[in-house]
Every structure is written in structure tokens, then in C-alpha cells.
Amino acid sequence: MFEDFNVQGLLEGKHAVDIAKTFQPDVAIIDIALRDTDGRHLCNAIKAEPLTAHIPVILITATIEDENEVPCKPDARVLKPFDIEDLQTLVFKLMNKN
């Protein structure tokens, strides 16, 4: 089950909100462990910006998170390792909510 997605990949989060403002993704998939920031901070920045607040955010992590460490409210969380078809189903579900 492969689809034709238009993807914008980033290795660092420092320009992600600005890119999301112009790219306007249907869903943002963000790893918590980014090179330059915690993905939870990026999730909060996307949700706080009026031009991107509507974008569903999926946080991906390899560890169980401590919610008190960096509170954020993603639309979904995915624990690594994950099944790509399960992730794709989640993406479609979040896209259809909008």
C-alpha cells in the first residue's frame, strides 16, 4: 500500500515552522530526538502559530516519554519501531479529520 505523497524533509527543526507556513503540510511527522531541538518544542511551536495550528502533528519516539519533561499536545504519538502501514493509516486518518 504505497501512495504518492509530496514530502518536505528536514534534518533540523530551526526553520520548520517557517517552512510549514509556506509548505502547509497535511500532516507533520516529527521525531522527538532532533539534531538541534526536542521535537516536542517544535510541536508546541507549530500548534502556537496561527498559520500552522491546524496541521496535525504525529510525534515519533524510541523511548517512553516523561510527559512532565516537555509537555505538548500532538494529535498522535508513535513508538519506534513502527509498522509503516500503520503509520500510513494514521496519516490518512488525520488527513481526513481536516
PDB file of N, CA and C in Angstrom:
ATOM      1  N   MET A   1       0.839  -1.175   0.000  1.00  0.00           N
ATOM      2  CA  MET A   1       0.000   0.000   0.000  1.00  0.00           C
ATOM      3  C   MET A   1       0.891   1.247   0.000  1.00  0.00           C
ATOM      4  N   PHE A   2       1.316   1.684  -1.159  1.00  0.00           N
ATOM      5  CA  PHE A   2       2.152   2.871  -1.291  1.00  0.00           C
ATOM      6  C   PHE A   2       1.356   3.976  -1.958  1.00  0.00           C
ATOM      7  N   GLU A   3       1.563   5.173  -1.508  1.00  0.00           N
ATOM      8  CA  GLU A   3       0.850   6.333  -2.015  1.00  0.00           C
ATOM      9  C   GLU A   3       1.852   7.335  -2.550  1.00  0.00           C
ATOM     10  N   ASP A   4       1.343   8.310  -3.260  1.00  0.00           N
ATOM     11  CA  ASP A   4       2.163   9.372  -3.824  1.00  0.00           C
ATOM     12  C   ASP A   4       2.055  10.594  -2.917  1.00  0.00           C
ATOM     13  N   PHE A   5       2.992  10.729  -1.979  1.00  0.00           N
ATOM     14  CA  PHE A   5       2.993  11.851  -1.057  1.00  0.00           C
ATOM     15  C   PHE A   5       4.010  12.880  -1.502  1.00  0.00           C
ATOM     16  N   ASN A   6       3.704  14.148  -1.315  1.00  0.00           N
ATOM     17  CA  ASN A   6       4.645  15.235  -1.516  1.00  0.00           C
ATOM     18  C   ASN A   6       5.254  15.513  -0.147  1.00  0.00           C
ATOM     19  N   VAL A   7       6.544  15.255   0.012  1.00  0.00           N
ATOM     20  CA  VAL A   7       7.194  15.289   1.320  1.00  0.00           C
ATOM     21  C   VAL A   7       8.259  16.374   1.357  1.00  0.00           C
ATOM     22  N   GLN A   8       8.328  17.070   2.479  1.00  0.00           N
ATOM     23  CA  GLN A   8       9.395  18.026   2.744  1.00  0.00           C
ATOM     24  C   GLN A   8      10.144  17.510   3.962  1.00  0.00           C
ATOM     25  N   GLY A   9      11.354  17.037   3.762  1.00  0.00           N
ATOM     26  CA  GLY A   9      12.145  16.503   4.865  1.00  0.00           C
ATOM     27  C   GLY A   9      13.081  17.547   5.432  1.00  0.00           C
ATOM     28  N   LEU A  10      13.289  17.488   6.740  1.00  0.00           N
ATOM     29  CA  LEU A  10      14.193  18.404   7.427  1.00  0.00           C
ATOM     30  C   LEU A  10      15.055  17.616   8.395  1.00  0.00           C
ATOM     31  N   LEU A  11      16.325  17.982   8.496  1.00  0.00           N
ATOM     32  CA  LEU A  11      17.210  17.352   9.466  1.00  0.00           C
ATOM     33  C   LEU A  11      17.268  18.133  10.773  1.00  0.00           C
ATOM     34  N   GLU A  12      16.896  19.402  10.723  1.00  0.00           N
ATOM     35  CA  GLU A  12      16.912  20.258  11.897  1.00  0.00           C
ATOM     36  C   GLU A  12      15.592  20.988  12.001  1.00  0.00           C
ATOM     37  N   GLY A  13      15.222  21.368  13.196  1.00  0.00           N
ATOM     38  CA  GLY A  13      13.927  21.984  13.419  1.00  0.00           C
ATOM     39  C   GLY A  13      13.899  23.495  13.387  1.00  0.00           C
ATOM     40  N   LYS A  14      15.061  24.154  13.298  1.00  0.00           N
ATOM     41  CA  LYS A  14      15.082  25.607  13.483  1.00  0.00           C
ATOM     42  C   LYS A  14      14.252  26.386  12.470  1.00  0.00           C
ATOM     43  N   HIS A  15      14.069  25.873  11.265  1.00  0.00           N
ATOM     44  CA  HIS A  15      13.268  26.581  10.261  1.00  0.00           C
ATOM     45  C   HIS A  15      11.949  25.870   9.967  1.00  0.00           C
ATOM     46  N   ALA A  16      11.612  24.874  10.746  1.00  0.00           N
ATOM     47  CA  ALA A  16      10.451  24.031  10.441  1.00  0.00           C
ATOM     48  C   ALA A  16       9.140  24.808  10.443  1.00  0.00           C
ATOM     49  N   VAL A  17       8.947  25.700  11.391  1.00  0.00           N
ATOM     50  CA  VAL A  17       7.684  26.441  11.446  1.00  0.00           C
ATOM     51  C   VAL A  17       7.565  27.349  10.232  1.00  0.00           C
ATOM     52  N   ASP A  18       8.647  28.022   9.865  1.00  0.00           N
ATOM     53  CA  ASP A  18       8.621  28.884   8.676  1.00  0.00           C
ATOM     54  C   ASP A  18       8.335  28.069   7.416  1.00  0.00           C
ATOM     55  N   ILE A  19       8.933  26.905   7.318  1.00  0.00           N
ATOM     56  CA  ILE A  19       8.693  26.039   6.161  1.00  0.00           C
ATOM     57  C   ILE A  19       7.251  25.542   6.172  1.00  0.00           C
ATOM     58  N   ALA A  20       6.741  25.185   7.340  1.00  0.00           N
ATOM     59  CA  ALA A  20       5.355  24.716   7.446  1.00  0.00           C
ATOM     60  C   ALA A  20       4.369  25.818   7.051  1.00  0.00           C
ATOM     61  N   LYS A  21       4.697  27.066   7.323  1.00  0.00           N
ATOM     62  CA  LYS A  21       3.822  28.173   6.941  1.00  0.00           C
ATOM     63  C   LYS A  21       3.638  28.233   5.427  1.00  0.00           C
ATOM     64  N   THR A  22       4.716  27.992   4.690  1.00  0.00           N
ATOM     65  CA  THR A  22       4.635  28.081   3.227  1.00  0.00           C
ATOM     66  C   THR A  22       4.263  26.747   2.586  1.00  0.00           C
ATOM     67  N   PHE A  23       4.785  25.650   3.120  1.00  0.00           N
ATOM     68  CA  PHE A  23       4.527  24.319   2.548  1.00  0.00           C
ATOM     69  C   PHE A  23       3.125  23.826   2.876  1.00  0.00           C
ATOM     70  N   GLN A  24       2.623  24.196   4.061  1.00  0.00           N
ATOM     71  CA  GLN A  24       1.299  23.801   4.534  1.00  0.00           C
ATOM     72  C   GLN A  24       1.045  22.293   4.379  1.00  0.00           C
ATOM     73  N   PRO A  25       1.801  21.480   5.119  1.00  0.00           N
ATOM     74  CA  PRO A  25       1.608  20.028   5.018  1.00  0.00           C
ATOM     75  C   PRO A  25       0.254  19.599   5.567  1.00  0.00           C
ATOM     76  N   ASP A  26      -0.240  18.489   5.063  1.00  0.00           N
ATOM     77  CA  ASP A  26      -1.482  17.917   5.591  1.00  0.00           C
ATOM     78  C   ASP A  26      -1.250  17.308   6.968  1.00  0.00           C
ATOM     79  N   VAL A  27      -0.033  16.822   7.201  1.00  0.00           N
ATOM     80  CA  VAL A  27       0.356  16.213   8.478  1.00  0.00           C
ATOM     81  C   VAL A  27       1.848  16.455   8.667  1.00  0.00           C
ATOM     82  N   ALA A  28       2.265  16.739   9.901  1.00  0.00           N
ATOM     83  CA  ALA A  28       3.686  16.850  10.238  1.00  0.00           C
ATOM     84  C   ALA A  28       4.076  15.648  11.081  1.00  0.00           C
ATOM     85  N   ILE A  29       5.108  14.941  10.648  1.00  0.00           N
ATOM     86  CA  ILE A  29       5.635  13.802  11.401  1.00  0.00           C
ATOM     87  C   ILE A  29       6.981  14.242  11.953  1.00  0.00           C
ATOM     88  N   ILE A  30       7.081  14.299  13.272  1.00  0.00           N
ATOM     89  CA  ILE A  30       8.261  14.870  13.919  1.00  0.00           C
ATOM     90  C   ILE A  30       8.852  13.873  14.909  1.00  0.00           C
ATOM     91  N   ASP A  31      10.125  13.587  14.750  1.00  0.00           N
ATOM     92  CA  ASP A  31      10.835  12.772  15.728  1.00  0.00           C
ATOM     93  C   ASP A  31      11.137  13.648  16.939  1.00  0.00           C
ATOM     94  N   ILE A  32      11.051  13.093  18.111  1.00  0.00           N
ATOM     95  CA  ILE A  32      11.365  13.873  19.308  1.00  0.00           C
ATOM     96  C   ILE A  32      12.851  14.198  19.363  1.00  0.00           C
ATOM     97  N   ALA A  33      13.702  13.264  18.964  1.00  0.00           N
ATOM     98  CA  ALA A  33      15.148  13.452  19.045  1.00  0.00           C
ATOM     99  C   ALA A  33      15.671  14.056  17.741  1.00  0.00           C
ATOM    100  N   LEU A  34      15.628  15.389  17.670  1.00  0.00           N
ATOM    101  CA  LEU A  34      16.173  16.086  16.515  1.00  0.00           C
ATOM    102  C   LEU A  34      17.567  16.603  16.839  1.00  0.00           C
ATOM    103  N   ARG A  35      18.322  16.890  15.815  1.00  0.00           N
ATOM    104  CA  ARG A  35      19.700  17.331  15.976  1.00  0.00           C
ATOM    105  C   ARG A  35      19.810  18.615  16.811  1.00  0.00           C
ATOM    106  N   ASP A  36      18.883  19.554  16.592  1.00  0.00           N
ATOM    107  CA  ASP A  36      19.026  20.867  17.203  1.00  0.00           C
ATOM    108  C   ASP A  36      17.934  21.239  18.200  1.00  0.00           C
ATOM    109  N   THR A  37      16.938  20.380  18.370  1.00  0.00           N
ATOM    110  CA  THR A  37      15.856  20.699  19.295  1.00  0.00           C
ATOM    111  C   THR A  37      15.106  19.432  19.681  1.00  0.00           C
ATOM    112  N   ASP A  38      14.260  19.561  20.654  1.00  0.00           N
ATOM    113  CA  ASP A  38      13.363  18.486  21.044  1.00  0.00           C
ATOM    114  C   ASP A  38      12.115  18.627  20.183  1.00  0.00           C
ATOM    115  N   GLY A  39      11.680  17.567  19.552  1.00  0.00           N
ATOM    116  CA  GLY A  39      10.518  17.615  18.679  1.00  0.00           C
ATOM    117  C   GLY A  39       9.256  18.077  19.371  1.00  0.00           C
ATOM    118  N   ARG A  40       9.192  17.918  20.690  1.00  0.00           N
ATOM    119  CA  ARG A  40       8.040  18.399  21.438  1.00  0.00           C
ATOM    120  C   ARG A  40       7.980  19.927  21.436  1.00  0.00           C
ATOM    121  N   HIS A  41       9.150  20.569  21.466  1.00  0.00           N
ATOM    122  CA  HIS A  41       9.182  22.029  21.357  1.00  0.00           C
ATOM    123  C   HIS A  41       8.684  22.460  19.975  1.00  0.00           C
ATOM    124  N   LEU A  42       9.084  21.712  18.975  1.00  0.00           N
ATOM    125  CA  LEU A  42       8.652  22.006  17.609  1.00  0.00           C
ATOM    126  C   LEU A  42       7.139  21.811  17.471  1.00  0.00           C
ATOM    127  N   CYS A  43       6.608  20.758  18.055  1.00  0.00           N
ATOM    128  CA  CYS A  43       5.161  20.527  18.065  1.00  0.00           C
ATOM    129  C   CYS A  43       4.452  21.721  18.697  1.00  0.00           C
ATOM    130  N   ASN A  44       4.946  22.188  19.831  1.00  0.00           N
ATOM    131  CA  ASN A  44       4.344  23.340  20.504  1.00  0.00           C
ATOM    132  C   ASN A  44       4.404  24.583  19.633  1.00  0.00           C
ATOM    133  N   ALA A  45       5.520  24.790  18.940  1.00  0.00           N
ATOM    134  CA  ALA A  45       5.664  25.970  18.072  1.00  0.00           C
ATOM    135  C   ALA A  45       4.686  25.911  16.903  1.00  0.00           C
ATOM    136  N   ILE A  46       4.510  24.738  16.320  1.00  0.00           N
ATOM    137  CA  ILE A  46       3.563  24.583  15.208  1.00  0.00           C
ATOM    138  C   ILE A  46       2.144  24.841  15.694  1.00  0.00           C
ATOM    139  N   LYS A  47       1.788  24.303  16.850  1.00  0.00           N
ATOM    140  CA  LYS A  47       0.438  24.468  17.386  1.00  0.00           C
ATOM    141  C   LYS A  47       0.178  25.899  17.859  1.00  0.00           C
ATOM    142  N   ALA A  48       1.221  26.659  18.204  1.00  0.00           N
ATOM    143  CA  ALA A  48       1.068  28.030  18.692  1.00  0.00           C
ATOM    144  C   ALA A  48       0.971  29.050  17.560  1.00  0.00           C
ATOM    145  N   GLU A  49       1.430  28.695  16.381  1.00  0.00           N
ATOM    146  CA  GLU A  49       1.436  29.619  15.237  1.00  0.00           C
ATOM    147  C   GLU A  49       0.087  29.553  14.522  1.00  0.00           C
ATOM    148  N   PRO A  50      -0.621  30.679  14.406  1.00  0.00           N
ATOM    149  CA  PRO A  50      -1.944  30.657  13.759  1.00  0.00           C
ATOM    150  C   PRO A  50      -1.959  30.074  12.345  1.00  0.00           C
ATOM    151  N   LEU A  51      -0.895  30.253  11.583  1.00  0.00           N
ATOM    152  CA  LEU A  51      -0.866  29.740  10.214  1.00  0.00           C
ATOM    153  C   LEU A  51      -0.603  28.236  10.127  1.00  0.00           C
ATOM    154  N   THR A  52      -0.184  27.636  11.248  1.00  0.00           N
ATOM    155  CA  THR A  52       0.123  26.197  11.227  1.00  0.00           C
ATOM    156  C   THR A  52      -0.616  25.405  12.307  1.00  0.00           C
ATOM    157  N   ALA A  53      -1.356  26.073  13.149  1.00  0.00           N
ATOM    158  CA  ALA A  53      -2.020  25.402  14.279  1.00  0.00           C
ATOM    159  C   ALA A  53      -2.969  24.293  13.839  1.00  0.00           C
ATOM    160  N   HIS A  54      -3.492  24.378  12.631  1.00  0.00           N
ATOM    161  CA  HIS A  54      -4.440  23.370  12.121  1.00  0.00           C
ATOM    162  C   HIS A  54      -3.757  22.087  11.649  1.00  0.00           C
ATOM    163  N   ILE A  55      -2.441  22.099  11.506  1.00  0.00           N
ATOM    164  CA  ILE A  55      -1.704  20.948  10.975  1.00  0.00           C
ATOM    165  C   ILE A  55      -1.610  19.857  12.042  1.00  0.00           C
ATOM    166  N   PRO A  56      -2.123  18.650  11.754  1.00  0.00           N
ATOM    167  CA  PRO A  56      -1.970  17.555  12.705  1.00  0.00           C
ATOM    168  C   PRO A  56      -0.494  17.174  12.864  1.00  0.00           C
ATOM    169  N   VAL A  57      -0.097  16.916  14.080  1.00  0.00           N
ATOM    170  CA  VAL A  57       1.293  16.552  14.371  1.00  0.00           C
ATOM    171  C   VAL A  57       1.334  15.139  14.935  1.00  0.00           C
ATOM    172  N   ILE A  58       2.195  14.317  14.339  1.00  0.00           N
ATOM    173  CA  ILE A  58       2.494  12.978  14.850  1.00  0.00           C
ATOM    174  C   ILE A  58       3.904  13.035  15.414  1.00  0.00           C
ATOM    175  N   LEU A  59       4.052  12.732  16.703  1.00  0.00           N
ATOM    176  CA  LEU A  59       5.378  12.655  17.311  1.00  0.00           C
ATOM    177  C   LEU A  59       5.845  11.212  17.289  1.00  0.00           C
ATOM    178  N   ILE A  60       7.103  11.034  16.916  1.00  0.00           N
ATOM    179  CA  ILE A  60       7.705   9.705  16.866  1.00  0.00           C
ATOM    180  C   ILE A  60       8.845   9.662  17.879  1.00  0.00           C
ATOM    181  N   THR A  61       8.915   8.565  18.632  1.00  0.00           N
ATOM    182  CA  THR A  61       9.962   8.439  19.633  1.00  0.00           C
ATOM    183  C   THR A  61      10.378   6.978  19.791  1.00  0.00           C
ATOM    184  N   ALA A  62      11.601   6.793  20.253  1.00  0.00           N
ATOM    185  CA  ALA A  62      12.107   5.446  20.511  1.00  0.00           C
ATOM    186  C   ALA A  62      12.032   5.105  21.996  1.00  0.00           C
ATOM    187  N   THR A  63      11.629   6.082  22.809  1.00  0.00           N
ATOM    188  CA  THR A  63      11.577   5.846  24.245  1.00  0.00           C
ATOM    189  C   THR A  63      10.214   6.246  24.795  1.00  0.00           C
ATOM    190  N   ILE A  64       9.886   5.717  25.944  1.00  0.00           N
ATOM    191  CA  ILE A  64       8.678   6.135  26.640  1.00  0.00           C
ATOM    192  C   ILE A  64       8.941   7.542  27.160  1.00  0.00           C
ATOM    193  N   GLU A  65       8.025   8.452  26.870  1.00  0.00           N
ATOM    194  CA  GLU A  65       8.224   9.853  27.236  1.00  0.00           C
ATOM    195  C   GLU A  65       7.780  10.134  28.661  1.00  0.00           C
ATOM    196  N   ASP A  66       8.454  11.073  29.255  1.00  0.00           N
ATOM    197  CA  ASP A  66       8.022  11.623  30.536  1.00  0.00           C
ATOM    198  C   ASP A  66       7.249  12.895  30.212  1.00  0.00           C
ATOM    199  N   GLU A  67       5.934  12.856  30.361  1.00  0.00           N
ATOM    200  CA  GLU A  67       5.065  13.980  29.986  1.00  0.00           C
ATOM    201  C   GLU A  67       5.426  15.258  30.737  1.00  0.00           C
ATOM    202  N   ASN A  68       6.031  15.137  31.915  1.00  0.00           N
ATOM    203  CA  ASN A  68       6.382  16.321  32.689  1.00  0.00           C
ATOM    204  C   ASN A  68       7.636  17.001  32.152  1.00  0.00           C
ATOM    205  N   GLU A  69       8.408  16.280  31.366  1.00  0.00           N
ATOM    206  CA  GLU A  69       9.664  16.826  30.852  1.00  0.00           C
ATOM    207  C   GLU A  69       9.408  17.986  29.888  1.00  0.00           C
ATOM    208  N   VAL A  70       8.679  17.751  28.828  1.00  0.00           N
ATOM    209  CA  VAL A  70       8.305  18.788  27.859  1.00  0.00           C
ATOM    210  C   VAL A  70       6.853  18.543  27.478  1.00  0.00           C
ATOM    211  N   PRO A  71       5.933  19.222  28.135  1.00  0.00           N
ATOM    212  CA  PRO A  71       4.527  18.992  27.802  1.00  0.00           C
ATOM    213  C   PRO A  71       4.189  19.511  26.405  1.00  0.00           C
ATOM    214  N   CYS A  72       3.414  18.729  25.692  1.00  0.00           N
ATOM    215  CA  CYS A  72       2.929  19.141  24.370  1.00  0.00           C
ATOM    216  C   CYS A  72       1.703  18.307  24.045  1.00  0.00           C
ATOM    217  N   LYS A  73       0.969  18.741  23.049  1.00  0.00           N
ATOM    218  CA  LYS A  73      -0.274  18.057  22.684  1.00  0.00           C
ATOM    219  C   LYS A  73      -0.276  17.707  21.202  1.00  0.00           C
ATOM    220  N   PRO A  74       0.460  16.664  20.826  1.00  0.00           N
ATOM    221  CA  PRO A  74       0.399  16.222  19.429  1.00  0.00           C
ATOM    222  C   PRO A  74      -0.946  15.552  19.164  1.00  0.00           C
ATOM    223  N   ASP A  75      -1.264  15.386  17.913  1.00  0.00           N
ATOM    224  CA  ASP A  75      -2.504  14.698  17.540  1.00  0.00           C
ATOM    225  C   ASP A  75      -2.354  13.191  17.675  1.00  0.00           C
ATOM    226  N   ALA A  76      -1.116  12.702  17.635  1.00  0.00           N
ATOM    227  CA  ALA A  76      -0.846  11.269  17.793  1.00  0.00           C
ATOM    228  C   ALA A  76       0.622  11.082  18.170  1.00  0.00           C
ATOM    229  N   ARG A  77       0.898   9.933  18.778  1.00  0.00           N
ATOM    230  CA  ARG A  77       2.273   9.527  19.114  1.00  0.00           C
ATOM    231  C   ARG A  77       2.501   8.136  18.553  1.00  0.00           C
ATOM    232  N   VAL A  78       3.709   7.916  18.053  1.00  0.00           N
ATOM    233  CA  VAL A  78       4.074   6.616  17.501  1.00  0.00           C
ATOM    234  C   VAL A  78       5.398   6.203  18.141  1.00  0.00           C
ATOM    235  N   LEU A  79       5.434   4.988  18.654  1.00  0.00           N
ATOM    236  CA  LEU A  79       6.634   4.455  19.287  1.00  0.00           C
ATOM    237  C   LEU A  79       7.429   3.646  18.273  1.00  0.00           C
ATOM    238  N   LYS A  80       8.742   3.911  18.220  1.00  0.00           N
ATOM    239  CA  LYS A  80       9.630   3.132  17.349  1.00  0.00           C
ATOM    240  C   LYS A  80       9.924   1.807  18.014  1.00  0.00           C
ATOM    241  N   PRO A  81      10.144   0.751  17.284  1.00  0.00           N
ATOM    242  CA  PRO A  81       9.938   0.648  15.838  1.00  0.00           C
ATOM    243  C   PRO A  81       8.443   0.601  15.532  1.00  0.00           C
ATOM    244  N   PHE A  82       8.093   1.063  14.348  1.00  0.00           N
ATOM    245  CA  PHE A  82       6.688   1.080  13.965  1.00  0.00           C
ATOM    246  C   PHE A  82       6.526   0.431  12.600  1.00  0.00           C
ATOM    247  N   ASP A  83       5.326   0.003  12.335  1.00  0.00           N
ATOM    248  CA  ASP A  83       4.984  -0.584  11.049  1.00  0.00           C
ATOM    249  C   ASP A  83       4.607   0.553  10.099  1.00  0.00           C
ATOM    250  N   ILE A  84       5.219   0.615   8.946  1.00  0.00           N
ATOM    251  CA  ILE A  84       4.992   1.709   8.000  1.00  0.00           C
ATOM    252  C   ILE A  84       3.535   1.770   7.553  1.00  0.00           C
ATOM    253  N   GLU A  85       2.890   0.633   7.415  1.00  0.00           N
ATOM    254  CA  GLU A  85       1.478   0.645   7.006  1.00  0.00           C
ATOM    255  C   GLU A  85       0.593   1.195   8.120  1.00  0.00           C
ATOM    256  N   ASP A  86       0.951   0.947   9.383  1.00  0.00           N
ATOM    257  CA  ASP A  86       0.208   1.525  10.498  1.00  0.00           C
ATOM    258  C   ASP A  86       0.376   3.049  10.509  1.00  0.00           C
ATOM    259  N   LEU A  87       1.592   3.517  10.241  1.00  0.00           N
ATOM    260  CA  LEU A  87       1.837   4.955  10.179  1.00  0.00           C
ATOM    261  C   LEU A  87       1.040   5.574   9.032  1.00  0.00           C
ATOM    262  N   GLN A  88       1.037   4.916   7.900  1.00  0.00           N
ATOM    263  CA  GLN A  88       0.299   5.426   6.745  1.00  0.00           C
ATOM    264  C   GLN A  88      -1.208   5.504   7.060  1.00  0.00           C
ATOM    265  N   THR A  89      -1.740   4.512   7.728  1.00  0.00           N
ATOM    266  CA  THR A  89      -3.145   4.517   8.126  1.00  0.00           C
ATOM    267  C   THR A  89      -3.428   5.696   9.057  1.00  0.00           C
ATOM    268  N   LEU A  90      -2.526   5.943   9.992  1.00  0.00           N
ATOM    269  CA  LEU A  90      -2.670   7.067  10.914  1.00  0.00           C
ATOM    270  C   LEU A  90      -2.632   8.400  10.168  1.00  0.00           C
ATOM    271  N   VAL A  91      -1.721   8.521   9.214  1.00  0.00           N
ATOM    272  CA  VAL A  91      -1.635   9.746   8.403  1.00  0.00           C
ATOM    273  C   VAL A  91      -2.953   9.985   7.678  1.00  0.00           C
ATOM    274  N   PHE A  92      -3.491   8.954   7.034  1.00  0.00           N
ATOM    275  CA  PHE A  92      -4.773   9.106   6.332  1.00  0.00           C
ATOM    276  C   PHE A  92      -5.887   9.496   7.292  1.00  0.00           C
ATOM    277  N   LYS A  93      -5.893   8.880   8.462  1.00  0.00           N
ATOM    278  CA  LYS A  93      -6.922   9.202   9.448  1.00  0.00           C
ATOM    279  C   LYS A  93      -6.859  10.680   9.829  1.00  0.00           C
ATOM    280  N   LEU A  94      -5.661  11.182  10.093  1.00  0.00           N
ATOM    281  CA  LEU A  94      -5.500  12.581  10.466  1.00  0.00           C
ATOM    282  C   LEU A  94      -5.796  13.527   9.295  1.00  0.00           C
ATOM    283  N   MET A  95      -5.475  13.112   8.094  1.00  0.00           N
ATOM    284  CA  MET A  95      -5.764  13.945   6.920  1.00  0.00           C
ATOM    285  C   MET A  95      -7.273  14.061   6.709  1.00  0.00           C
ATOM    286  N   ASN A  96      -7.993  13.016   6.970  1.00  0.00           N
ATOM    287  CA  ASN A  96      -9.439  13.005   6.756  1.00  0.00           C
ATOM    288  C   ASN A  96     -10.196  13.783   7.821  1.00  0.00           C
ATOM    289  N   LYS A  97      -9.541  14.034   8.962  1.00  0.00           N
ATOM    290  CA  LYS A  97     -10.192  14.819  10.005  1.00  0.00           C
ATOM    291  C   LYS A  97     -10.244  16.290   9.635  1.00  0.00           C
ATOM    292  N   ASN A  98      -9.367  16.708   8.734  1.00  0.00           N
ATOM    293  CA  ASN A  98      -9.285  18.133   8.370  1.00  0.00           C
ATOM    294  C   ASN A  98     -10.214  18.468   7.242  1.00  0.00           C
TER     295      ASN A  98
END
